[in-house]
mmCIF file of all heavy atoms, coordinates in Angstrom:
data_MODEL
# 
_entry.id   MODEL 
# 
loop_
_atom_site.group_PDB 
_atom_site.id 
_atom_site.type_symbol 
_atom_site.label_atom_id 
_atom_site.label_alt_id 
_atom_site.label_comp_id 
_atom_site.label_asym_id 
_atom_site.label_entity_id 
_atom_site.label_seq_id 
_atom_site.pdbx_PDB_ins_code 
_atom_site.Cartn_x 
_atom_site.Cartn_y 
_atom_site.Cartn_z 
_atom_site.occupancy 
_atom_site.B_iso_or_equiv 
_atom_site.pdbx_formal_charge 
_atom_site.auth_seq_id 
_atom_site.auth_comp_id 
_atom_site.auth_asym_id 
_atom_site.auth_atom_id 
_atom_site.pdbx_PDB_model_num 
ATOM 1   N N   . ASN A 1 1  ? -106.455 -65.193 37.863 1.00 0.00 ? 1  ASN A N   1 
ATOM 2   C CA  . ASN A 1 1  ? -105.674 -65.441 36.656 1.00 0.00 ? 1  ASN A CA  1 
ATOM 3   C C   . ASN A 1 1  ? -106.470 -66.337 35.716 1.00 0.00 ? 1  ASN A C   1 
ATOM 4   O O   . ASN A 1 1  ? -107.036 -67.343 36.145 1.00 0.00 ? 1  ASN A O   1 
ATOM 5   C CB  . ASN A 1 1  ? -104.354 -66.120 37.038 1.00 0.00 ? 1  ASN A CB  1 
ATOM 6   C CG  . ASN A 1 1  ? -103.504 -66.489 35.847 1.00 0.00 ? 1  ASN A CG  1 
ATOM 7   O OD1 . ASN A 1 1  ? -103.598 -67.597 35.317 1.00 0.00 ? 1  ASN A OD1 1 
ATOM 8   N ND2 . ASN A 1 1  ? -102.659 -65.574 35.410 1.00 0.00 ? 1  ASN A ND2 1 
ATOM 9   N N   . LEU A 1 2  ? -106.521 -65.960 34.444 1.00 0.00 ? 2  LEU A N   1 
ATOM 10  C CA  . LEU A 1 2  ? -107.230 -66.758 33.450 1.00 0.00 ? 2  LEU A CA  1 
ATOM 11  C C   . LEU A 1 2  ? -106.250 -67.687 32.741 1.00 0.00 ? 2  LEU A C   1 
ATOM 12  O O   . LEU A 1 2  ? -105.242 -67.236 32.192 1.00 0.00 ? 2  LEU A O   1 
ATOM 13  C CB  . LEU A 1 2  ? -107.925 -65.859 32.422 1.00 0.00 ? 2  LEU A CB  1 
ATOM 14  C CG  . LEU A 1 2  ? -108.714 -66.593 31.322 1.00 0.00 ? 2  LEU A CG  1 
ATOM 15  C CD1 . LEU A 1 2  ? -109.855 -67.412 31.924 1.00 0.00 ? 2  LEU A CD1 1 
ATOM 16  C CD2 . LEU A 1 2  ? -109.244 -65.602 30.296 1.00 0.00 ? 2  LEU A CD2 1 
ATOM 17  N N   . ASN A 1 3  ? -106.569 -68.966 32.735 1.00 0.00 ? 3  ASN A N   1 
ATOM 18  C CA  . ASN A 1 3  ? -105.706 -69.971 32.124 1.00 0.00 ? 3  ASN A CA  1 
ATOM 19  C C   . ASN A 1 3  ? -105.910 -69.995 30.613 1.00 0.00 ? 3  ASN A C   1 
ATOM 20  O O   . ASN A 1 3  ? -106.982 -70.369 30.126 1.00 0.00 ? 3  ASN A O   1 
ATOM 21  C CB  . ASN A 1 3  ? -106.026 -71.349 32.727 1.00 0.00 ? 3  ASN A CB  1 
ATOM 22  C CG  . ASN A 1 3  ? -105.123 -72.449 32.201 1.00 0.00 ? 3  ASN A CG  1 
ATOM 23  O OD1 . ASN A 1 3  ? -104.811 -72.513 31.019 1.00 0.00 ? 3  ASN A OD1 1 
ATOM 24  N ND2 . ASN A 1 3  ? -104.715 -73.336 33.088 1.00 0.00 ? 3  ASN A ND2 1 
ATOM 25  N N   . CYS A 1 4  ? -104.865 -69.633 29.884 1.00 0.00 ? 4  CYS A N   1 
ATOM 26  C CA  . CYS A 1 4  ? -104.855 -69.740 28.424 1.00 0.00 ? 4  CYS A CA  1 
ATOM 27  C C   . CYS A 1 4  ? -103.645 -70.567 27.986 1.00 0.00 ? 4  CYS A C   1 
ATOM 28  O O   . CYS A 1 4  ? -103.044 -70.306 26.943 1.00 0.00 ? 4  CYS A O   1 
ATOM 29  C CB  . CYS A 1 4  ? -104.802 -68.365 27.772 1.00 0.00 ? 4  CYS A CB  1 
ATOM 30  S SG  . CYS A 1 4  ? -106.214 -67.308 28.129 1.00 0.00 ? 4  CYS A SG  1 
ATOM 31  N N   . GLY A 1 5  ? -103.291 -71.562 28.813 1.00 0.00 ? 5  GLY A N   1 
ATOM 32  C CA  . GLY A 1 5  ? -102.096 -72.323 28.520 1.00 0.00 ? 5  GLY A CA  1 
ATOM 33  C C   . GLY A 1 5  ? -102.192 -73.822 28.697 1.00 0.00 ? 5  GLY A C   1 
ATOM 34  O O   . GLY A 1 5  ? -101.338 -74.553 28.198 1.00 0.00 ? 5  GLY A O   1 
ATOM 35  N N   . CYS A 1 6  ? -103.214 -74.311 29.415 1.00 0.00 ? 6  CYS A N   1 
ATOM 36  C CA  . CYS A 1 6  ? -103.294 -75.746 29.686 1.00 0.00 ? 6  CYS A CA  1 
ATOM 37  C C   . CYS A 1 6  ? -103.677 -76.505 28.419 1.00 0.00 ? 6  CYS A C   1 
ATOM 38  O O   . CYS A 1 6  ? -104.656 -76.164 27.753 1.00 0.00 ? 6  CYS A O   1 
ATOM 39  C CB  . CYS A 1 6  ? -104.315 -76.018 30.776 1.00 0.00 ? 6  CYS A CB  1 
ATOM 40  S SG  . CYS A 1 6  ? -104.457 -77.781 31.196 1.00 0.00 ? 6  CYS A SG  1 
ATOM 41  N N   . PRO A 1 7  ? -102.915 -77.577 28.066 1.00 0.00 ? 7  PRO A N   1 
ATOM 42  C CA  . PRO A 1 7  ? -103.163 -78.287 26.809 1.00 0.00 ? 7  PRO A CA  1 
ATOM 43  C C   . PRO A 1 7  ? -103.985 -79.573 26.934 1.00 0.00 ? 7  PRO A C   1 
ATOM 44  O O   . PRO A 1 7  ? -104.103 -80.304 25.961 1.00 0.00 ? 7  PRO A O   1 
ATOM 45  C CB  . PRO A 1 7  ? -101.738 -78.649 26.360 1.00 0.00 ? 7  PRO A CB  1 
ATOM 46  C CG  . PRO A 1 7  ? -101.027 -78.904 27.654 1.00 0.00 ? 7  PRO A CG  1 
ATOM 47  C CD  . PRO A 1 7  ? -101.638 -77.956 28.675 1.00 0.00 ? 7  PRO A CD  1 
ATOM 48  N N   . SER A 1 8  ? -104.554 -79.873 28.102 1.00 0.00 ? 8  SER A N   1 
ATOM 49  C CA  . SER A 1 8  ? -105.187 -81.179 28.267 1.00 0.00 ? 8  SER A CA  1 
ATOM 50  C C   . SER A 1 8  ? -106.456 -81.310 27.424 1.00 0.00 ? 8  SER A C   1 
ATOM 51  O O   . SER A 1 8  ? -107.117 -80.329 27.089 1.00 0.00 ? 8  SER A O   1 
ATOM 52  C CB  . SER A 1 8  ? -105.536 -81.422 29.742 1.00 0.00 ? 8  SER A CB  1 
ATOM 53  O OG  . SER A 1 8  ? -106.710 -80.725 30.103 1.00 0.00 ? 8  SER A OG  1 
ATOM 54  N N   . ASP A 1 9  ? -106.780 -82.564 27.070 1.00 0.00 ? 9  ASP A N   1 
ATOM 55  C CA  . ASP A 1 9  ? -107.981 -82.841 26.269 1.00 0.00 ? 9  ASP A CA  1 
ATOM 56  C C   . ASP A 1 9  ? -109.234 -82.350 26.964 1.00 0.00 ? 9  ASP A C   1 
ATOM 57  O O   . ASP A 1 9  ? -110.151 -81.826 26.327 1.00 0.00 ? 9  ASP A O   1 
ATOM 58  C CB  . ASP A 1 9  ? -108.101 -84.346 25.991 1.00 0.00 ? 9  ASP A CB  1 
ATOM 59  C CG  . ASP A 1 9  ? -107.006 -84.856 25.079 1.00 0.00 ? 9  ASP A CG  1 
ATOM 60  O OD1 . ASP A 1 9  ? -106.400 -84.036 24.368 1.00 0.00 ? 9  ASP A OD1 1 
ATOM 61  O OD2 . ASP A 1 9  ? -106.745 -86.076 25.085 1.00 0.00 ? 9  ASP A OD2 1 
ATOM 62  N N   . ARG A 1 10 ? -109.287 -82.537 28.285 1.00 0.00 ? 10 ARG A N   1 
ATOM 63  C CA  . ARG A 1 10 ? -110.483 -82.132 29.033 1.00 0.00 ? 10 ARG A CA  1 
ATOM 64  C C   . ARG A 1 10 ? -110.696 -80.627 28.930 1.00 0.00 ? 10 ARG A C   1 
ATOM 65  O O   . ARG A 1 10 ? -111.815 -80.144 28.781 1.00 0.00 ? 10 ARG A O   1 
ATOM 66  C CB  . ARG A 1 10 ? -110.328 -82.557 30.502 1.00 0.00 ? 10 ARG A CB  1 
ATOM 67  C CG  . ARG A 1 10 ? -111.538 -82.233 31.359 1.00 0.00 ? 10 ARG A CG  1 
ATOM 68  C CD  . ARG A 1 10 ? -111.399 -82.861 32.723 1.00 0.00 ? 10 ARG A CD  1 
ATOM 69  N NE  . ARG A 1 10 ? -110.275 -82.316 33.448 1.00 0.00 ? 10 ARG A NE  1 
ATOM 70  C CZ  . ARG A 1 10 ? -110.326 -81.195 34.188 1.00 0.00 ? 10 ARG A CZ  1 
ATOM 71  N NH1 . ARG A 1 10 ? -111.467 -80.510 34.256 1.00 0.00 ? 10 ARG A NH1 1 
ATOM 72  N NH2 . ARG A 1 10 ? -109.276 -80.764 34.843 1.00 0.00 ? 10 ARG A NH2 1 
ATOM 73  N N   . VAL A 1 11 ? -109.606 -79.891 28.994 1.00 0.00 ? 11 VAL A N   1 
ATOM 74  C CA  . VAL A 1 11 ? -109.697 -78.434 28.886 1.00 0.00 ? 11 VAL A CA  1 
ATOM 75  C C   . VAL A 1 11 ? -110.102 -78.021 27.470 1.00 0.00 ? 11 VAL A C   1 
ATOM 76  O O   . VAL A 1 11 ? -110.943 -77.145 27.270 1.00 0.00 ? 11 VAL A O   1 
ATOM 77  C CB  . VAL A 1 11 ? -108.355 -77.792 29.296 1.00 0.00 ? 11 VAL A CB  1 
ATOM 78  C CG1 . VAL A 1 11 ? -108.314 -76.333 28.921 1.00 0.00 ? 11 VAL A CG1 1 
ATOM 79  C CG2 . VAL A 1 11 ? -108.142 -77.948 30.797 1.00 0.00 ? 11 VAL A CG2 1 
ATOM 80  N N   . GLN A 1 12 ? -109.516 -78.690 26.469 1.00 0.00 ? 12 GLN A N   1 
ATOM 81  C CA  . GLN A 1 12 ? -109.864 -78.362 25.082 1.00 0.00 ? 12 GLN A CA  1 
ATOM 82  C C   . GLN A 1 12 ? -111.345 -78.585 24.813 1.00 0.00 ? 12 GLN A C   1 
ATOM 83  O O   . GLN A 1 12 ? -111.995 -77.792 24.127 1.00 0.00 ? 12 GLN A O   1 
ATOM 84  C CB  . GLN A 1 12 ? -109.044 -79.218 24.117 1.00 0.00 ? 12 GLN A CB  1 
ATOM 85  C CG  . GLN A 1 12 ? -107.572 -78.876 24.045 1.00 0.00 ? 12 GLN A CG  1 
ATOM 86  C CD  . GLN A 1 12 ? -106.867 -79.790 23.064 1.00 0.00 ? 12 GLN A CD  1 
ATOM 87  O OE1 . GLN A 1 12 ? -107.241 -79.881 21.907 1.00 0.00 ? 12 GLN A OE1 1 
ATOM 88  N NE2 . GLN A 1 12 ? -105.848 -80.487 23.544 1.00 0.00 ? 12 GLN A NE2 1 
ATOM 89  N N   . SER A 1 13 ? -111.877 -79.679 25.357 1.00 0.00 ? 13 SER A N   1 
ATOM 90  C CA  . SER A 1 13 ? -113.289 -79.988 25.102 1.00 0.00 ? 13 SER A CA  1 
ATOM 91  C C   . SER A 1 13 ? -114.193 -78.918 25.684 1.00 0.00 ? 13 SER A C   1 
ATOM 92  O O   . SER A 1 13 ? -115.321 -78.739 25.239 1.00 0.00 ? 13 SER A O   1 
ATOM 93  C CB  . SER A 1 13 ? -113.645 -81.367 25.684 1.00 0.00 ? 13 SER A CB  1 
ATOM 94  O OG  . SER A 1 13 ? -113.564 -81.361 27.099 1.00 0.00 ? 13 SER A OG  1 
ATOM 95  N N   . GLY A 1 14 ? -113.703 -78.211 26.699 1.00 0.00 ? 14 GLY A N   1 
ATOM 96  C CA  . GLY A 1 14 ? -114.468 -77.113 27.276 1.00 0.00 ? 14 GLY A CA  1 
ATOM 97  C C   . GLY A 1 14 ? -114.158 -75.785 26.630 1.00 0.00 ? 14 GLY A C   1 
ATOM 98  O O   . GLY A 1 14 ? -114.625 -74.748 27.081 1.00 0.00 ? 14 GLY A O   1 
ATOM 99  N N   . SER A 1 15 ? -113.345 -75.804 25.578 1.00 0.00 ? 15 SER A N   1 
ATOM 100 C CA  . SER A 1 15 ? -112.985 -74.594 24.825 1.00 0.00 ? 15 SER A CA  1 
ATOM 101 C C   . SER A 1 15 ? -112.300 -73.547 25.693 1.00 0.00 ? 15 SER A C   1 
ATOM 102 O O   . SER A 1 15 ? -112.564 -72.356 25.589 1.00 0.00 ? 15 SER A O   1 
ATOM 103 C CB  . SER A 1 15 ? -114.227 -73.998 24.141 1.00 0.00 ? 15 SER A CB  1 
ATOM 104 O OG  . SER A 1 15 ? -114.765 -74.910 23.211 1.00 0.00 ? 15 SER A OG  1 
ATOM 105 N N   . PHE A 1 16 ? -111.424 -74.008 26.575 1.00 0.00 ? 16 PHE A N   1 
ATOM 106 C CA  . PHE A 1 16 ? -110.597 -73.057 27.310 1.00 0.00 ? 16 PHE A CA  1 
ATOM 107 C C   . PHE A 1 16 ? -109.211 -73.657 27.491 1.00 0.00 ? 16 PHE A C   1 
ATOM 108 O O   . PHE A 1 16 ? -108.901 -74.710 26.943 1.00 0.00 ? 16 PHE A O   1 
ATOM 109 C CB  . PHE A 1 16 ? -111.239 -72.646 28.634 1.00 0.00 ? 16 PHE A CB  1 
ATOM 110 C CG  . PHE A 1 16 ? -111.542 -73.758 29.601 1.00 0.00 ? 16 PHE A CG  1 
ATOM 111 C CD1 . PHE A 1 16 ? -110.639 -74.096 30.598 1.00 0.00 ? 16 PHE A CD1 1 
ATOM 112 C CD2 . PHE A 1 16 ? -112.751 -74.443 29.534 1.00 0.00 ? 16 PHE A CD2 1 
ATOM 113 C CE1 . PHE A 1 16 ? -110.927 -75.101 31.505 1.00 0.00 ? 16 PHE A CE1 1 
ATOM 114 C CE2 . PHE A 1 16 ? -113.044 -75.453 30.444 1.00 0.00 ? 16 PHE A CE2 1 
ATOM 115 C CZ  . PHE A 1 16 ? -112.131 -75.784 31.441 1.00 0.00 ? 16 PHE A CZ  1 
ATOM 116 N N   . GLY A 1 17 ? -108.356 -72.938 28.208 1.00 0.00 ? 17 GLY A N   1 
ATOM 117 C CA  . GLY A 1 17 ? -106.958 -73.357 28.272 1.00 0.00 ? 17 GLY A CA  1 
ATOM 118 C C   . GLY A 1 17 ? -106.218 -72.861 27.044 1.00 0.00 ? 17 GLY A C   1 
ATOM 119 O O   . GLY A 1 17 ? -106.513 -71.800 26.492 1.00 0.00 ? 17 GLY A O   1 
ATOM 120 N N   . ALA A 1 18 ? -105.235 -73.657 26.579 1.00 0.00 ? 18 ALA A N   1 
ATOM 121 C CA  . ALA A 1 18 ? -104.351 -73.217 25.499 1.00 0.00 ? 18 ALA A CA  1 
ATOM 122 C C   . ALA A 1 18 ? -105.083 -72.932 24.200 1.00 0.00 ? 18 ALA A C   1 
ATOM 123 O O   . ALA A 1 18 ? -104.635 -72.109 23.401 1.00 0.00 ? 18 ALA A O   1 
ATOM 124 C CB  . ALA A 1 18 ? -103.263 -74.272 25.263 1.00 0.00 ? 18 ALA A CB  1 
ATOM 125 N N   . ILE A 1 19 ? -106.211 -73.585 23.989 1.00 0.00 ? 19 ILE A N   1 
ATOM 126 C CA  . ILE A 1 19 ? -106.938 -73.375 22.738 1.00 0.00 ? 19 ILE A CA  1 
ATOM 127 C C   . ILE A 1 19 ? -107.410 -71.925 22.602 1.00 0.00 ? 19 ILE A C   1 
ATOM 128 O O   . ILE A 1 19 ? -107.682 -71.439 21.494 1.00 0.00 ? 19 ILE A O   1 
ATOM 129 C CB  . ILE A 1 19 ? -108.118 -74.364 22.626 1.00 0.00 ? 19 ILE A CB  1 
ATOM 130 C CG1 . ILE A 1 19 ? -108.526 -74.553 21.169 1.00 0.00 ? 19 ILE A CG1 1 
ATOM 131 C CG2 . ILE A 1 19 ? -109.295 -73.925 23.493 1.00 0.00 ? 19 ILE A CG2 1 
ATOM 132 C CD1 . ILE A 1 19 ? -109.455 -75.737 20.937 1.00 0.00 ? 19 ILE A CD1 1 
ATOM 133 N N   . LEU A 1 20 ? -107.466 -71.205 23.720 1.00 0.00 ? 20 LEU A N   1 
ATOM 134 C CA  . LEU A 1 20 ? -107.861 -69.794 23.677 1.00 0.00 ? 20 LEU A CA  1 
ATOM 135 C C   . LEU A 1 20 ? -106.816 -68.916 23.001 1.00 0.00 ? 20 LEU A C   1 
ATOM 136 O O   . LEU A 1 20 ? -107.114 -67.774 22.635 1.00 0.00 ? 20 LEU A O   1 
ATOM 137 C CB  . LEU A 1 20 ? -108.139 -69.275 25.088 1.00 0.00 ? 20 LEU A CB  1 
ATOM 138 C CG  . LEU A 1 20 ? -109.448 -69.756 25.734 1.00 0.00 ? 20 LEU A CG  1 
ATOM 139 C CD1 . LEU A 1 20 ? -109.545 -69.279 27.168 1.00 0.00 ? 20 LEU A CD1 1 
ATOM 140 C CD2 . LEU A 1 20 ? -110.646 -69.302 24.932 1.00 0.00 ? 20 LEU A CD2 1 
ATOM 141 N N   . MET A 1 21 ? -105.608 -69.449 22.807 1.00 0.00 ? 21 MET A N   1 
ATOM 142 C CA  . MET A 1 21 ? -104.612 -68.695 22.032 1.00 0.00 ? 21 MET A CA  1 
ATOM 143 C C   . MET A 1 21 ? -105.106 -68.439 20.611 1.00 0.00 ? 21 MET A C   1 
ATOM 144 O O   . MET A 1 21 ? -104.648 -67.515 19.940 1.00 0.00 ? 21 MET A O   1 
ATOM 145 C CB  . MET A 1 21 ? -103.284 -69.460 21.988 1.00 0.00 ? 21 MET A CB  1 
ATOM 146 C CG  . MET A 1 21 ? -102.586 -69.629 23.320 1.00 0.00 ? 21 MET A CG  1 
ATOM 147 S SD  . MET A 1 21 ? -102.134 -68.072 24.121 1.00 0.00 ? 21 MET A SD  1 
ATOM 148 C CE  . MET A 1 21 ? -100.997 -67.363 22.923 1.00 0.00 ? 21 MET A CE  1 
ATOM 149 N N   . GLU A 1 22 ? -106.061 -69.254 20.160 1.00 0.00 ? 22 GLU A N   1 
ATOM 150 C CA  . GLU A 1 22 ? -106.628 -69.076 18.824 1.00 0.00 ? 22 GLU A CA  1 
ATOM 151 C C   . GLU A 1 22 ? -107.754 -68.053 18.804 1.00 0.00 ? 22 GLU A C   1 
ATOM 152 O O   . GLU A 1 22 ? -108.244 -67.691 17.731 1.00 0.00 ? 22 GLU A O   1 
ATOM 153 C CB  . GLU A 1 22 ? -107.159 -70.418 18.300 1.00 0.00 ? 22 GLU A CB  1 
ATOM 154 C CG  . GLU A 1 22 ? -106.076 -71.483 18.132 1.00 0.00 ? 22 GLU A CG  1 
ATOM 155 C CD  . GLU A 1 22 ? -106.655 -72.807 17.656 1.00 0.00 ? 22 GLU A CD  1 
ATOM 156 O OE1 . GLU A 1 22 ? -107.889 -73.000 17.784 1.00 0.00 ? 22 GLU A OE1 1 
ATOM 157 O OE2 . GLU A 1 22 ? -105.872 -73.655 17.179 1.00 0.00 ? 22 GLU A OE2 1 
ATOM 158 N N   . SER A 1 23 ? -108.155 -67.567 20.000 1.00 0.00 ? 23 SER A N   1 
ATOM 159 C CA  . SER A 1 23 ? -109.323 -66.677 20.085 1.00 0.00 ? 23 SER A CA  1 
ATOM 160 C C   . SER A 1 23 ? -109.055 -65.501 21.012 1.00 0.00 ? 23 SER A C   1 
ATOM 161 O O   . SER A 1 23 ? -109.692 -65.351 22.065 1.00 0.00 ? 23 SER A O   1 
ATOM 162 C CB  . SER A 1 23 ? -110.550 -67.463 20.580 1.00 0.00 ? 23 SER A CB  1 
ATOM 163 O OG  . SER A 1 23 ? -110.779 -68.619 19.809 1.00 0.00 ? 23 SER A OG  1 
ATOM 164 N N   . PRO A 1 24 ? -108.125 -64.626 20.644 1.00 0.00 ? 24 PRO A N   1 
ATOM 165 C CA  . PRO A 1 24 ? -107.787 -63.514 21.540 1.00 0.00 ? 24 PRO A CA  1 
ATOM 166 C C   . PRO A 1 24 ? -108.973 -62.588 21.829 1.00 0.00 ? 24 PRO A C   1 
ATOM 167 O O   . PRO A 1 24 ? -109.047 -61.994 22.918 1.00 0.00 ? 24 PRO A O   1 
ATOM 168 C CB  . PRO A 1 24 ? -106.666 -62.780 20.805 1.00 0.00 ? 24 PRO A CB  1 
ATOM 169 C CG  . PRO A 1 24 ? -106.773 -63.218 19.374 1.00 0.00 ? 24 PRO A CG  1 
ATOM 170 C CD  . PRO A 1 24 ? -107.294 -64.614 19.419 1.00 0.00 ? 24 PRO A CD  1 
# 
């Protein structure tokens, strides 16, 4: 499963998690 939902700062800095909602 690919995580496109986690909102943590650490995840954002790696350009994955919830921020991927901006990059389908």
